[in-house]
Amino acid sequence: MRQHPRSKVRRVAQRGHYDRETIHAILDASLIAHVSFADPEGQPFVIPMLYAREGDSLYLHGSIASRLLKSVGSGIATCLCVTLIDGLVLARSHFHHSMNYRSVVAFGKATPVKDSAEKSAIFARFVDALIPGRAQESRAADRNELNATALLRFDIEEASAKIRTGDPKDDPADRELPLWAGIVPVVQKYGEAITAQDALPGTAVPPSVLSLLARQS
């Protein structure tokens, strides 16, 4: 990924990161990207979408009737953002309240994936991005489903990560105030698996789900 002025972190520049390892780690820790584009009339849109990463590319999918997939798939310039919230940063002053976070802003263009075998493999990758091992526990997409779904490969031309960690940045004069300041961590946690009401009697919770729950316990 090349660096460019448009992806440079300007506000609190020391929080910016441009290495692949950091950017990929943040992308892999999230599931939703907000994809922004402008239609041919210049109207801007921002749409949240599931994605799966392979190398320096992100795959996006949806209905063949999707305005986003039609517009972005035509090769127009596109930007997407991923954000993870790690904690509430509570300061002594209103001004210095903040959040600890990890984010990525990526720029690039997308091209349609039309080969049925490749689309099928990427759909399996999407499922395993949600829960590793889940693809082999579920049915692959059939021909009708493949034909009804548009798949795009968004190639990252450039990207930057921005990360905030640590305590509130209170003014020195405020540190003598008898007011609490600190961090409230924000943690994503999965709840107990709920079997679908129309599942066949006796169908067990699969290993991928059990493994996911075990990893967080």
N, C-alpha and C. Protein backbone atom coordinates (compact mmCIF):
# COMPACT_ATOMS: atom_id res chain seq x y z
N MET A 1 0.84 -1.20 0.00
CA MET A 1 0.00 0.00 0.00
C MET A 1 0.88 1.25 0.00
N ARG A 2 0.63 2.11 -0.97
CA ARG A 2 1.41 3.33 -1.02
C ARG A 2 0.82 4.38 -0.08
N GLN A 3 1.64 5.35 0.30
CA GLN A 3 1.18 6.45 1.14
C GLN A 3 0.91 7.67 0.28
N HIS A 4 -0.06 8.46 0.68
CA HIS A 4 -0.51 9.60 -0.10
C HIS A 4 -1.02 10.64 0.88
N PRO A 5 -0.96 11.93 0.53
CA PRO A 5 -1.46 12.97 1.45
C PRO A 5 -2.91 12.77 1.90
N ARG A 6 -3.75 12.16 1.04
CA ARG A 6 -5.15 12.03 1.44
C ARG A 6 -5.34 11.03 2.57
N SER A 7 -4.41 10.09 2.77
CA SER A 7 -4.54 9.11 3.85
C SER A 7 -3.69 9.46 5.07
N LYS A 8 -3.01 10.57 5.03
CA LYS A 8 -2.15 10.98 6.14
C LYS A 8 -2.99 11.46 7.32
N VAL A 9 -2.67 10.97 8.53
CA VAL A 9 -3.35 11.43 9.74
C VAL A 9 -2.80 12.80 10.11
N ARG A 10 -3.67 13.78 10.18
CA ARG A 10 -3.23 15.16 10.43
C ARG A 10 -3.53 15.61 11.85
N ARG A 11 -4.71 15.31 12.35
CA ARG A 11 -5.08 15.70 13.70
C ARG A 11 -4.49 14.69 14.67
N VAL A 12 -3.63 15.13 15.60
CA VAL A 12 -2.88 14.26 16.51
C VAL A 12 -2.12 13.21 15.67
N ALA A 13 -1.20 13.72 14.89
CA ALA A 13 -0.51 12.89 13.89
C ALA A 13 0.24 11.72 14.50
N GLN A 14 0.66 11.83 15.78
CA GLN A 14 1.42 10.73 16.38
C GLN A 14 0.57 9.49 16.60
N ARG A 15 -0.73 9.60 16.46
CA ARG A 15 -1.59 8.43 16.57
C ARG A 15 -1.72 7.68 15.26
N GLY A 16 -1.13 8.19 14.21
CA GLY A 16 -1.24 7.56 12.90
C GLY A 16 -0.28 6.39 12.74
N HIS A 17 -0.75 5.36 12.04
CA HIS A 17 0.06 4.17 11.74
C HIS A 17 -0.19 3.81 10.28
N TYR A 18 0.88 3.40 9.58
CA TYR A 18 0.77 3.16 8.15
C TYR A 18 1.29 1.77 7.73
N ASP A 19 1.68 0.95 8.70
CA ASP A 19 2.23 -0.36 8.36
C ASP A 19 1.11 -1.38 8.16
N ARG A 20 1.35 -2.33 7.27
CA ARG A 20 0.36 -3.34 6.93
C ARG A 20 -0.08 -4.13 8.16
N GLU A 21 0.86 -4.50 9.02
CA GLU A 21 0.53 -5.35 10.17
C GLU A 21 -0.54 -4.70 11.04
N THR A 22 -0.39 -3.41 11.34
CA THR A 22 -1.36 -2.71 12.18
C THR A 22 -2.69 -2.57 11.47
N ILE A 23 -2.65 -2.18 10.20
CA ILE A 23 -3.88 -1.98 9.43
C ILE A 23 -4.64 -3.30 9.28
N HIS A 24 -3.94 -4.36 8.93
CA HIS A 24 -4.60 -5.67 8.77
C HIS A 24 -5.19 -6.16 10.08
N ALA A 25 -4.48 -5.95 11.19
CA ALA A 25 -4.97 -6.42 12.49
C ALA A 25 -6.29 -5.76 12.86
N ILE A 26 -6.40 -4.47 12.59
CA ILE A 26 -7.65 -3.75 12.89
C ILE A 26 -8.76 -4.23 11.98
N LEU A 27 -8.47 -4.37 10.69
CA LEU A 27 -9.49 -4.86 9.76
C LEU A 27 -9.97 -6.26 10.14
N ASP A 28 -9.07 -7.12 10.58
CA ASP A 28 -9.43 -8.49 10.93
C ASP A 28 -10.21 -8.58 12.25
N ALA A 29 -10.09 -7.55 13.08
CA ALA A 29 -10.78 -7.56 14.37
C ALA A 29 -12.22 -7.05 14.26
N SER A 30 -12.58 -6.52 13.12
CA SER A 30 -13.93 -5.97 12.94
C SER A 30 -14.70 -6.79 11.91
N LEU A 31 -15.98 -6.47 11.76
CA LEU A 31 -16.84 -7.16 10.81
C LEU A 31 -17.55 -6.21 9.86
N ILE A 32 -17.69 -4.94 10.28
CA ILE A 32 -18.48 -3.96 9.54
C ILE A 32 -17.59 -2.82 9.08
N ALA A 33 -17.68 -2.48 7.80
CA ALA A 33 -17.02 -1.30 7.25
C ALA A 33 -18.09 -0.34 6.75
N HIS A 34 -17.88 0.95 6.98
CA HIS A 34 -18.75 1.97 6.41
C HIS A 34 -18.13 2.42 5.09
N VAL A 35 -18.84 2.12 4.00
CA VAL A 35 -18.34 2.36 2.65
C VAL A 35 -18.96 3.64 2.12
N SER A 36 -18.12 4.57 1.66
CA SER A 36 -18.60 5.85 1.16
C SER A 36 -18.29 6.00 -0.32
N PHE A 37 -19.23 6.61 -1.04
CA PHE A 37 -19.08 6.84 -2.47
C PHE A 37 -20.07 7.93 -2.89
N ALA A 38 -19.88 8.46 -4.08
CA ALA A 38 -20.81 9.42 -4.65
C ALA A 38 -21.37 8.84 -5.94
N ASP A 39 -22.70 8.94 -6.13
CA ASP A 39 -23.31 8.41 -7.35
C ASP A 39 -23.01 9.36 -8.53
N PRO A 40 -23.40 8.97 -9.74
CA PRO A 40 -23.08 9.80 -10.91
C PRO A 40 -23.60 11.23 -10.83
N GLU A 41 -24.65 11.48 -10.04
CA GLU A 41 -25.17 12.83 -9.88
C GLU A 41 -24.44 13.61 -8.79
N GLY A 42 -23.47 12.95 -8.12
CA GLY A 42 -22.71 13.63 -7.08
C GLY A 42 -23.28 13.50 -5.69
N GLN A 43 -24.37 12.73 -5.52
CA GLN A 43 -24.96 12.54 -4.19
C GLN A 43 -24.09 11.58 -3.39
N PRO A 44 -23.58 11.99 -2.22
CA PRO A 44 -22.76 11.08 -1.41
C PRO A 44 -23.62 10.11 -0.59
N PHE A 45 -23.07 8.92 -0.37
CA PHE A 45 -23.72 7.90 0.46
C PHE A 45 -22.67 7.25 1.34
N VAL A 46 -23.10 6.78 2.52
CA VAL A 46 -22.27 5.97 3.40
C VAL A 46 -23.11 4.78 3.83
N ILE A 47 -22.64 3.57 3.52
CA ILE A 47 -23.41 2.35 3.77
C ILE A 47 -22.58 1.39 4.61
N PRO A 48 -23.12 0.87 5.73
CA PRO A 48 -22.40 -0.16 6.50
C PRO A 48 -22.52 -1.52 5.81
N MET A 49 -21.40 -2.23 5.71
CA MET A 49 -21.40 -3.52 5.02
C MET A 49 -20.48 -4.51 5.72
N LEU A 50 -20.88 -5.78 5.69
CA LEU A 50 -19.98 -6.86 6.08
C LEU A 50 -18.85 -6.96 5.06
N TYR A 51 -17.69 -7.42 5.51
CA TYR A 51 -16.58 -7.59 4.58
C TYR A 51 -15.70 -8.74 5.04
N ALA A 52 -14.87 -9.20 4.14
CA ALA A 52 -13.85 -10.20 4.46
C ALA A 52 -12.55 -9.76 3.79
N ARG A 53 -11.43 -9.90 4.50
CA ARG A 53 -10.14 -9.45 3.96
C ARG A 53 -9.33 -10.62 3.43
N GLU A 54 -8.68 -10.39 2.29
CA GLU A 54 -7.69 -11.30 1.75
C GLU A 54 -6.52 -10.45 1.27
N GLY A 55 -5.40 -10.50 1.97
CA GLY A 55 -4.27 -9.67 1.60
C GLY A 55 -4.61 -8.20 1.69
N ASP A 56 -4.33 -7.45 0.63
CA ASP A 56 -4.64 -6.02 0.59
C ASP A 56 -5.98 -5.75 -0.09
N SER A 57 -6.86 -6.72 -0.10
CA SER A 57 -8.18 -6.56 -0.71
C SER A 57 -9.26 -6.88 0.31
N LEU A 58 -10.38 -6.17 0.20
CA LEU A 58 -11.56 -6.45 0.99
C LEU A 58 -12.68 -6.85 0.04
N TYR A 59 -13.42 -7.89 0.40
CA TYR A 59 -14.54 -8.33 -0.42
C TYR A 59 -15.84 -7.83 0.20
N LEU A 60 -16.71 -7.28 -0.66
CA LEU A 60 -18.02 -6.76 -0.28
C LEU A 60 -19.06 -7.49 -1.11
N HIS A 61 -20.21 -7.80 -0.51
CA HIS A 61 -21.22 -8.50 -1.28
C HIS A 61 -22.61 -8.03 -0.89
N GLY A 62 -23.56 -8.25 -1.81
CA GLY A 62 -24.94 -7.87 -1.58
C GLY A 62 -25.78 -8.19 -2.80
N SER A 63 -27.01 -7.74 -2.80
CA SER A 63 -27.93 -7.99 -3.90
C SER A 63 -27.41 -7.38 -5.20
N ILE A 64 -27.70 -8.04 -6.33
CA ILE A 64 -27.31 -7.49 -7.62
C ILE A 64 -28.04 -6.17 -7.91
N ALA A 65 -29.12 -5.89 -7.15
CA ALA A 65 -29.86 -4.64 -7.33
C ALA A 65 -29.31 -3.52 -6.46
N SER A 66 -28.29 -3.80 -5.65
CA SER A 66 -27.76 -2.80 -4.72
C SER A 66 -27.16 -1.61 -5.46
N ARG A 67 -27.60 -0.41 -5.08
CA ARG A 67 -27.04 0.82 -5.67
C ARG A 67 -25.56 0.93 -5.36
N LEU A 68 -25.18 0.58 -4.13
CA LEU A 68 -23.76 0.67 -3.77
C LEU A 68 -22.92 -0.23 -4.65
N LEU A 69 -23.33 -1.49 -4.79
CA LEU A 69 -22.51 -2.43 -5.53
C LEU A 69 -22.46 -2.09 -7.01
N LYS A 70 -23.54 -1.54 -7.55
CA LYS A 70 -23.52 -1.10 -8.94
C LYS A 70 -22.58 0.09 -9.11
N SER A 71 -22.69 1.08 -8.22
CA SER A 71 -21.87 2.29 -8.36
C SER A 71 -20.40 2.00 -8.08
N VAL A 72 -20.12 1.37 -6.94
CA VAL A 72 -18.74 1.10 -6.57
C VAL A 72 -18.11 0.10 -7.54
N GLY A 73 -18.89 -0.86 -8.02
CA GLY A 73 -18.37 -1.85 -8.95
C GLY A 73 -18.03 -1.29 -10.31
N SER A 74 -18.46 -0.05 -10.60
CA SER A 74 -18.12 0.56 -11.89
C SER A 74 -16.70 1.10 -11.90
N GLY A 75 -16.02 1.05 -10.74
CA GLY A 75 -14.62 1.48 -10.68
C GLY A 75 -14.40 2.89 -10.19
N ILE A 76 -15.44 3.51 -9.59
CA ILE A 76 -15.28 4.88 -9.09
C ILE A 76 -14.42 4.87 -7.82
N ALA A 77 -13.84 6.02 -7.50
CA ALA A 77 -13.06 6.15 -6.27
C ALA A 77 -13.95 5.93 -5.06
N THR A 78 -13.45 5.13 -4.13
CA THR A 78 -14.24 4.73 -2.96
C THR A 78 -13.38 4.83 -1.71
N CYS A 79 -14.02 5.13 -0.59
CA CYS A 79 -13.34 5.19 0.70
C CYS A 79 -14.16 4.39 1.70
N LEU A 80 -13.47 3.67 2.58
CA LEU A 80 -14.20 2.96 3.64
C LEU A 80 -13.48 3.12 4.97
N CYS A 81 -14.24 2.96 6.04
CA CYS A 81 -13.72 3.17 7.38
C CYS A 81 -14.19 2.06 8.30
N VAL A 82 -13.29 1.62 9.17
CA VAL A 82 -13.59 0.62 10.21
C VAL A 82 -13.16 1.21 11.54
N THR A 83 -14.00 1.10 12.57
CA THR A 83 -13.67 1.65 13.89
C THR A 83 -14.01 0.64 14.98
N LEU A 84 -13.09 0.46 15.92
CA LEU A 84 -13.29 -0.37 17.10
C LEU A 84 -13.17 0.52 18.33
N ILE A 85 -14.16 0.46 19.21
CA ILE A 85 -14.14 1.25 20.45
C ILE A 85 -13.61 0.38 21.58
N ASP A 86 -12.53 0.82 22.23
CA ASP A 86 -11.90 0.05 23.30
C ASP A 86 -12.19 0.56 24.70
N GLY A 87 -12.62 1.81 24.83
CA GLY A 87 -12.89 2.32 26.17
C GLY A 87 -13.41 3.75 26.16
N LEU A 88 -14.18 4.08 27.19
CA LEU A 88 -14.62 5.46 27.41
C LEU A 88 -13.55 6.16 28.25
N VAL A 89 -13.08 7.29 27.79
CA VAL A 89 -12.06 8.05 28.50
C VAL A 89 -12.74 9.23 29.19
N LEU A 90 -12.82 9.16 30.52
CA LEU A 90 -13.57 10.14 31.30
C LEU A 90 -12.60 11.07 32.02
N ALA A 91 -12.63 12.33 31.64
CA ALA A 91 -11.70 13.32 32.18
C ALA A 91 -12.35 14.15 33.27
N ARG A 92 -11.56 15.00 33.87
CA ARG A 92 -12.09 15.91 34.89
C ARG A 92 -12.86 17.06 34.26
N SER A 93 -12.53 17.39 33.03
CA SER A 93 -13.23 18.47 32.32
C SER A 93 -14.05 17.88 31.18
N HIS A 94 -15.12 18.58 30.82
CA HIS A 94 -15.92 18.14 29.68
C HIS A 94 -15.07 18.08 28.41
N PHE A 95 -14.20 19.04 28.25
CA PHE A 95 -13.44 19.20 27.01
C PHE A 95 -12.56 17.99 26.71
N HIS A 96 -12.03 17.35 27.73
CA HIS A 96 -11.05 16.29 27.52
C HIS A 96 -11.65 14.88 27.58
N HIS A 97 -12.98 14.77 27.67
CA HIS A 97 -13.59 13.44 27.54
C HIS A 97 -13.33 12.90 26.13
N SER A 98 -13.09 11.61 26.03
CA SER A 98 -12.73 11.03 24.73
C SER A 98 -13.03 9.54 24.74
N MET A 99 -12.46 8.83 23.79
CA MET A 99 -12.56 7.38 23.69
C MET A 99 -11.20 6.82 23.30
N ASN A 100 -10.91 5.62 23.77
CA ASN A 100 -9.80 4.85 23.23
C ASN A 100 -10.36 4.02 22.08
N TYR A 101 -9.67 4.03 20.97
CA TYR A 101 -10.21 3.41 19.76
C TYR A 101 -9.09 2.97 18.84
N ARG A 102 -9.46 2.14 17.87
CA ARG A 102 -8.60 1.76 16.74
C ARG A 102 -9.42 1.92 15.48
N SER A 103 -8.89 2.60 14.49
CA SER A 103 -9.65 2.82 13.26
C SER A 103 -8.74 2.71 12.05
N VAL A 104 -9.36 2.42 10.92
CA VAL A 104 -8.67 2.38 9.63
C VAL A 104 -9.52 3.13 8.61
N VAL A 105 -8.88 3.98 7.83
CA VAL A 105 -9.50 4.61 6.66
C VAL A 105 -8.72 4.13 5.44
N ALA A 106 -9.43 3.56 4.47
CA ALA A 106 -8.78 3.00 3.28
C ALA A 106 -9.39 3.60 2.02
N PHE A 107 -8.53 3.82 1.04
CA PHE A 107 -8.95 4.36 -0.25
C PHE A 107 -8.62 3.34 -1.34
N GLY A 108 -9.46 3.28 -2.36
CA GLY A 108 -9.20 2.37 -3.46
C GLY A 108 -10.36 2.31 -4.42
N LYS A 109 -10.32 1.30 -5.28
CA LYS A 109 -11.38 1.06 -6.25
C LYS A 109 -11.75 -0.42 -6.21
N ALA A 110 -12.97 -0.71 -6.65
CA ALA A 110 -13.47 -2.09 -6.59
C ALA A 110 -13.79 -2.60 -7.98
N THR A 111 -13.64 -3.89 -8.14
CA THR A 111 -13.99 -4.56 -9.39
C THR A 111 -14.89 -5.75 -9.09
N PRO A 112 -15.84 -6.05 -9.98
CA PRO A 112 -16.73 -7.19 -9.74
C PRO A 112 -16.00 -8.53 -9.87
N VAL A 113 -16.40 -9.48 -9.04
CA VAL A 113 -15.94 -10.86 -9.15
C VAL A 113 -17.08 -11.64 -9.80
N LYS A 114 -16.84 -12.19 -10.98
CA LYS A 114 -17.92 -12.81 -11.75
C LYS A 114 -17.78 -14.32 -11.87
N ASP A 115 -16.58 -14.86 -11.72
CA ASP A 115 -16.40 -16.29 -11.83
C ASP A 115 -17.12 -17.02 -10.70
N SER A 116 -17.97 -17.97 -11.04
CA SER A 116 -18.81 -18.65 -10.04
C SER A 116 -17.99 -19.39 -9.01
N ALA A 117 -16.94 -20.08 -9.43
CA ALA A 117 -16.11 -20.83 -8.48
C ALA A 117 -15.42 -19.88 -7.50
N GLU A 118 -14.93 -18.76 -8.02
CA GLU A 118 -14.28 -17.79 -7.14
C GLU A 118 -15.29 -17.16 -6.18
N LYS A 119 -16.48 -16.84 -6.67
CA LYS A 119 -17.52 -16.27 -5.81
C LYS A 119 -17.88 -17.24 -4.70
N SER A 120 -18.02 -18.52 -5.03
CA SER A 120 -18.37 -19.52 -4.03
C SER A 120 -17.30 -19.61 -2.96
N ALA A 121 -16.03 -19.58 -3.37
CA ALA A 121 -14.94 -19.65 -2.40
C ALA A 121 -14.91 -18.42 -1.50
N ILE A 122 -15.19 -17.24 -2.07
CA ILE A 122 -15.18 -16.01 -1.26
C ILE A 122 -16.35 -16.00 -0.30
N PHE A 123 -17.51 -16.51 -0.72
CA PHE A 123 -18.65 -16.59 0.21
C PHE A 123 -18.30 -17.47 1.41
N ALA A 124 -17.59 -18.56 1.17
CA ALA A 124 -17.14 -19.40 2.28
C ALA A 124 -16.19 -18.61 3.18
N ARG A 125 -15.36 -17.79 2.57
CA ARG A 125 -14.44 -16.94 3.35
C ARG A 125 -15.21 -15.96 4.20
N PHE A 126 -16.31 -15.41 3.69
CA PHE A 126 -17.16 -14.52 4.47
C PHE A 126 -17.69 -15.23 5.72
N VAL A 127 -18.18 -16.44 5.54
CA VAL A 127 -18.75 -17.18 6.66
C VAL A 127 -17.68 -17.46 7.72
N ASP A 128 -16.49 -17.86 7.26
CA ASP A 128 -15.41 -18.15 8.21
C ASP A 128 -14.87 -16.88 8.85
N ALA A 129 -15.06 -15.72 8.21
CA ALA A 129 -14.67 -14.46 8.83
C ALA A 129 -15.57 -14.15 10.03
N LEU A 130 -16.83 -14.60 9.97
CA LEU A 130 -17.73 -14.43 11.11
C LEU A 130 -17.34 -15.37 12.25
N ILE A 131 -17.21 -16.65 11.92
CA ILE A 131 -16.81 -17.66 12.90
C ILE A 131 -15.90 -18.67 12.18
N PRO A 132 -14.64 -18.77 12.56
CA PRO A 132 -13.74 -19.73 11.90
C PRO A 132 -14.30 -21.15 11.98
N GLY A 133 -14.29 -21.83 10.85
CA GLY A 133 -14.77 -23.21 10.80
C GLY A 133 -16.23 -23.36 10.46
N ARG A 134 -16.96 -22.26 10.39
CA ARG A 134 -18.40 -22.34 10.16
C ARG A 134 -18.75 -22.75 8.73
N ALA A 135 -17.89 -22.41 7.77
CA ALA A 135 -18.22 -22.69 6.37
C ALA A 135 -18.44 -24.18 6.12
N GLN A 136 -17.60 -25.02 6.73
CA GLN A 136 -17.73 -26.47 6.49
C GLN A 136 -18.92 -27.06 7.24
N GLU A 137 -19.53 -26.30 8.12
CA GLU A 137 -20.71 -26.79 8.85
C GLU A 137 -22.03 -26.35 8.20
N SER A 138 -21.94 -25.63 7.08
CA SER A 138 -23.15 -25.11 6.45
C SER A 138 -23.07 -25.33 4.93
N ARG A 139 -24.21 -25.20 4.27
CA ARG A 139 -24.31 -25.46 2.83
C ARG A 139 -23.67 -24.33 2.03
N ALA A 140 -22.95 -24.71 0.98
CA ALA A 140 -22.37 -23.70 0.09
C ALA A 140 -23.47 -23.05 -0.75
N ALA A 141 -23.18 -21.85 -1.26
CA ALA A 141 -24.13 -21.15 -2.11
C ALA A 141 -24.41 -21.94 -3.38
N ASP A 142 -25.70 -22.01 -3.78
CA ASP A 142 -26.03 -22.70 -5.02
C ASP A 142 -26.01 -21.71 -6.19
N ARG A 143 -26.30 -22.21 -7.39
CA ARG A 143 -26.18 -21.37 -8.59
C ARG A 143 -27.11 -20.16 -8.55
N ASN A 144 -28.35 -20.37 -8.09
CA ASN A 144 -29.30 -19.26 -8.03
C ASN A 144 -28.83 -18.18 -7.04
N GLU A 145 -28.29 -18.63 -5.92
CA GLU A 145 -27.81 -17.67 -4.92
C GLU A 145 -26.59 -16.90 -5.44
N LEU A 146 -25.71 -17.60 -6.15
CA LEU A 146 -24.56 -16.93 -6.73
C LEU A 146 -24.99 -15.90 -7.77
N ASN A 147 -25.98 -16.25 -8.58
CA ASN A 147 -26.45 -15.33 -9.62
C ASN A 147 -27.18 -14.12 -9.04
N ALA A 148 -27.77 -14.28 -7.86
CA ALA A 148 -28.53 -13.19 -7.25
C ALA A 148 -27.67 -12.25 -6.42
N THR A 149 -26.40 -12.58 -6.28
CA THR A 149 -25.52 -11.82 -5.40
C THR A 149 -24.38 -11.20 -6.19
N ALA A 150 -24.13 -9.92 -5.92
CA ALA A 150 -22.98 -9.23 -6.49
C ALA A 150 -21.83 -9.29 -5.50
N LEU A 151 -20.62 -9.52 -6.00
CA LEU A 151 -19.43 -9.60 -5.16
C LEU A 151 -18.38 -8.66 -5.74
N LEU A 152 -17.82 -7.82 -4.87
CA LEU A 152 -16.79 -6.87 -5.30
C LEU A 152 -15.50 -7.13 -4.55
N ARG A 153 -14.39 -6.93 -5.24
CA ARG A 153 -13.08 -6.93 -4.60
C ARG A 153 -12.58 -5.49 -4.55
N PHE A 154 -12.51 -4.96 -3.33
CA PHE A 154 -12.01 -3.59 -3.12
C PHE A 154 -10.52 -3.68 -2.86
N ASP A 155 -9.73 -3.18 -3.79
CA ASP A 155 -8.27 -3.21 -3.66
C ASP A 155 -7.80 -1.95 -2.95
N ILE A 156 -7.14 -2.14 -1.81
CA ILE A 156 -6.68 -1.00 -1.01
C ILE A 156 -5.45 -0.39 -1.68
N GLU A 157 -5.60 0.83 -2.15
CA GLU A 157 -4.48 1.54 -2.75
C GLU A 157 -3.62 2.21 -1.68
N GLU A 158 -4.28 2.73 -0.66
CA GLU A 158 -3.58 3.36 0.45
C GLU A 158 -4.51 3.35 1.67
N ALA A 159 -3.91 3.38 2.83
CA ALA A 159 -4.70 3.33 4.06
C ALA A 159 -3.89 3.85 5.22
N SER A 160 -4.58 4.26 6.26
CA SER A 160 -3.92 4.67 7.50
C SER A 160 -4.76 4.18 8.67
N ALA A 161 -4.07 3.88 9.75
CA ALA A 161 -4.74 3.54 11.00
C ALA A 161 -4.54 4.68 11.99
N LYS A 162 -5.51 4.85 12.87
CA LYS A 162 -5.38 5.84 13.95
C LYS A 162 -5.79 5.16 15.24
N ILE A 163 -4.96 5.29 16.26
CA ILE A 163 -5.18 4.57 17.51
C ILE A 163 -5.00 5.52 18.68
N ARG A 164 -5.97 5.49 19.60
CA ARG A 164 -5.82 6.22 20.85
C ARG A 164 -5.82 5.23 22.00
N THR A 165 -4.89 5.36 22.90
CA THR A 165 -4.82 4.54 24.10
C THR A 165 -4.49 5.45 25.29
N GLY A 166 -4.65 4.92 26.49
CA GLY A 166 -4.17 5.63 27.66
C GLY A 166 -5.19 6.48 28.38
N ASP A 167 -4.68 7.22 29.36
CA ASP A 167 -5.50 8.00 30.29
C ASP A 167 -6.06 9.27 29.65
N PRO A 168 -6.97 9.94 30.38
CA PRO A 168 -7.42 11.26 29.94
C PRO A 168 -6.25 12.24 29.91
N LYS A 169 -6.34 13.22 29.03
CA LYS A 169 -5.30 14.24 28.89
C LYS A 169 -5.78 15.54 29.56
N ASP A 170 -5.96 15.47 30.86
CA ASP A 170 -6.45 16.64 31.59
C ASP A 170 -5.41 17.76 31.62
N ASP A 171 -5.91 18.99 31.72
CA ASP A 171 -5.01 20.13 31.91
C ASP A 171 -4.33 19.99 33.27
N PRO A 172 -3.07 20.40 33.38
CA PRO A 172 -2.35 20.29 34.66
C PRO A 172 -3.12 20.91 35.82
N ALA A 173 -3.76 22.05 35.60
CA ALA A 173 -4.48 22.71 36.69
C ALA A 173 -5.65 21.89 37.19
N ASP A 174 -6.24 21.07 36.31
CA ASP A 174 -7.41 20.27 36.70
C ASP A 174 -7.05 19.04 37.50
N ARG A 175 -5.79 18.65 37.51
CA ARG A 175 -5.39 17.42 38.20
C ARG A 175 -5.48 17.55 39.71
N GLU A 176 -5.61 18.75 40.21
CA GLU A 176 -5.78 18.96 41.65
C GLU A 176 -7.25 18.96 42.06
N LEU A 177 -8.16 18.87 41.11
CA LEU A 177 -9.58 18.85 41.43
C LEU A 177 -9.97 17.50 42.01
N PRO A 178 -10.85 17.46 43.04
CA PRO A 178 -11.28 16.19 43.65
C PRO A 178 -12.35 15.50 42.81
N LEU A 179 -12.03 15.27 41.54
CA LEU A 179 -12.99 14.67 40.60
C LEU A 179 -12.39 13.40 40.03
N TRP A 180 -13.23 12.38 39.87
CA TRP A 180 -12.74 11.11 39.35
C TRP A 180 -12.45 11.22 37.86
N ALA A 181 -11.37 10.61 37.43
CA ALA A 181 -11.03 10.51 36.01
C ALA A 181 -10.48 9.11 35.77
N GLY A 182 -10.70 8.59 34.59
CA GLY A 182 -10.19 7.25 34.28
C GLY A 182 -10.79 6.69 33.02
N ILE A 183 -10.73 5.37 32.90
CA ILE A 183 -11.16 4.68 31.69
C ILE A 183 -12.19 3.62 32.05
N VAL A 184 -13.24 3.52 31.26
CA VAL A 184 -14.21 2.43 31.36
C VAL A 184 -14.04 1.57 30.12
N PRO A 185 -13.45 0.37 30.25
CA PRO A 185 -13.23 -0.47 29.07
C PRO A 185 -14.54 -0.85 28.39
N VAL A 186 -14.50 -0.94 27.08
CA VAL A 186 -15.62 -1.42 26.27
C VAL A 186 -15.21 -2.76 25.67
N VAL A 187 -15.95 -3.82 25.97
CA VAL A 187 -15.58 -5.17 25.56
C VAL A 187 -16.74 -5.81 24.80
N GLN A 188 -16.46 -6.39 23.63
CA GLN A 188 -17.47 -7.15 22.91
C GLN A 188 -17.52 -8.56 23.45
N LYS A 189 -18.71 -9.04 23.74
CA LYS A 189 -18.86 -10.38 24.32
C LYS A 189 -20.02 -11.09 23.67
N TYR A 190 -19.81 -12.36 23.35
CA TYR A 190 -20.87 -13.17 22.78
C TYR A 190 -21.70 -13.81 23.89
N GLY A 191 -23.01 -13.86 23.67
CA GLY A 191 -23.89 -14.50 24.62
C GLY A 191 -24.07 -15.98 24.31
N GLU A 192 -24.85 -16.66 25.13
CA GLU A 192 -25.12 -18.08 24.93
C GLU A 192 -25.82 -18.32 23.60
N ALA A 193 -25.41 -19.34 22.87
CA ALA A 193 -26.00 -19.63 21.56
C ALA A 193 -27.47 -20.04 21.72
N ILE A 194 -28.33 -19.52 20.85
CA ILE A 194 -29.76 -19.80 20.87
C ILE A 194 -30.11 -20.57 19.60
N THR A 195 -30.54 -21.80 19.74
CA THR A 195 -30.88 -22.63 18.59
C THR A 195 -32.16 -22.12 17.93
N ALA A 196 -32.17 -22.10 16.59
CA ALA A 196 -33.33 -21.65 15.85
C ALA A 196 -34.55 -22.50 16.19
N GLN A 197 -35.72 -21.85 16.24
CA GLN A 197 -36.94 -22.55 16.63
C GLN A 197 -37.32 -23.65 15.64
N ASP A 198 -36.92 -23.49 14.36
CA ASP A 198 -37.29 -24.49 13.37
C ASP A 198 -36.18 -25.51 13.10
N ALA A 199 -35.17 -25.55 13.99
CA ALA A 199 -34.10 -26.54 13.84
C ALA A 199 -34.64 -27.94 14.12
N LEU A 200 -34.07 -28.93 13.45
CA LEU A 200 -34.50 -30.31 13.69
C LEU A 200 -34.22 -30.68 15.15
N PRO A 201 -35.13 -31.41 15.78
CA PRO A 201 -34.94 -31.81 17.18
C PRO A 201 -33.61 -32.54 17.37
N GLY A 202 -32.91 -32.18 18.41
CA GLY A 202 -31.66 -32.85 18.74
C GLY A 202 -30.44 -32.32 18.01
N THR A 203 -30.62 -31.30 17.16
CA THR A 203 -29.47 -30.74 16.45
C THR A 203 -28.55 -30.03 17.45
N ALA A 204 -27.30 -30.45 17.49
CA ALA A 204 -26.36 -29.92 18.49
C ALA A 204 -25.73 -28.61 18.01
N VAL A 205 -25.35 -27.79 18.97
CA VAL A 205 -24.58 -26.58 18.67
C VAL A 205 -23.25 -27.03 18.06
N PRO A 206 -22.85 -26.49 16.91
CA PRO A 206 -21.67 -27.01 16.20
C PRO A 206 -20.35 -26.59 16.85
N PRO A 207 -19.28 -27.29 16.49
CA PRO A 207 -17.96 -27.00 17.08
C PRO A 207 -17.49 -25.56 16.89
N SER A 208 -17.80 -24.94 15.73
CA SER A 208 -17.32 -23.57 15.52
C SER A 208 -17.89 -22.62 16.56
N VAL A 209 -19.17 -22.79 16.89
CA VAL A 209 -19.80 -21.92 17.89
C VAL A 209 -19.27 -22.22 19.28
N LEU A 210 -19.15 -23.49 19.60
CA LEU A 210 -18.61 -23.87 20.91
C LEU A 210 -17.19 -23.34 21.10
N SER A 211 -16.38 -23.41 20.04
CA SER A 211 -15.02 -22.90 20.10
C SER A 211 -15.00 -21.40 20.29
N LEU A 212 -15.89 -20.69 19.59
CA LEU A 212 -15.97 -19.24 19.74
C LEU A 212 -16.29 -18.85 21.17
N LEU A 213 -17.26 -19.52 21.76
CA LEU A 213 -17.65 -19.21 23.14
C LEU A 213 -16.56 -19.60 24.13
N ALA A 214 -15.85 -20.70 23.86
CA ALA A 214 -14.82 -21.15 24.77
C ALA A 214 -13.63 -20.18 24.79
N ARG A 215 -13.33 -19.57 23.65
CA ARG A 215 -12.20 -18.66 23.56
C ARG A 215 -12.37 -17.41 24.39
N GLN A 216 -13.62 -17.02 24.65
CA GLN A 216 -13.82 -15.80 25.41
C GLN A 216 -14.08 -16.05 26.90
N SER A 217 -14.14 -17.32 27.27
CA SER A 217 -14.43 -17.63 28.69
C SER A 217 -13.14 -17.66 29.49
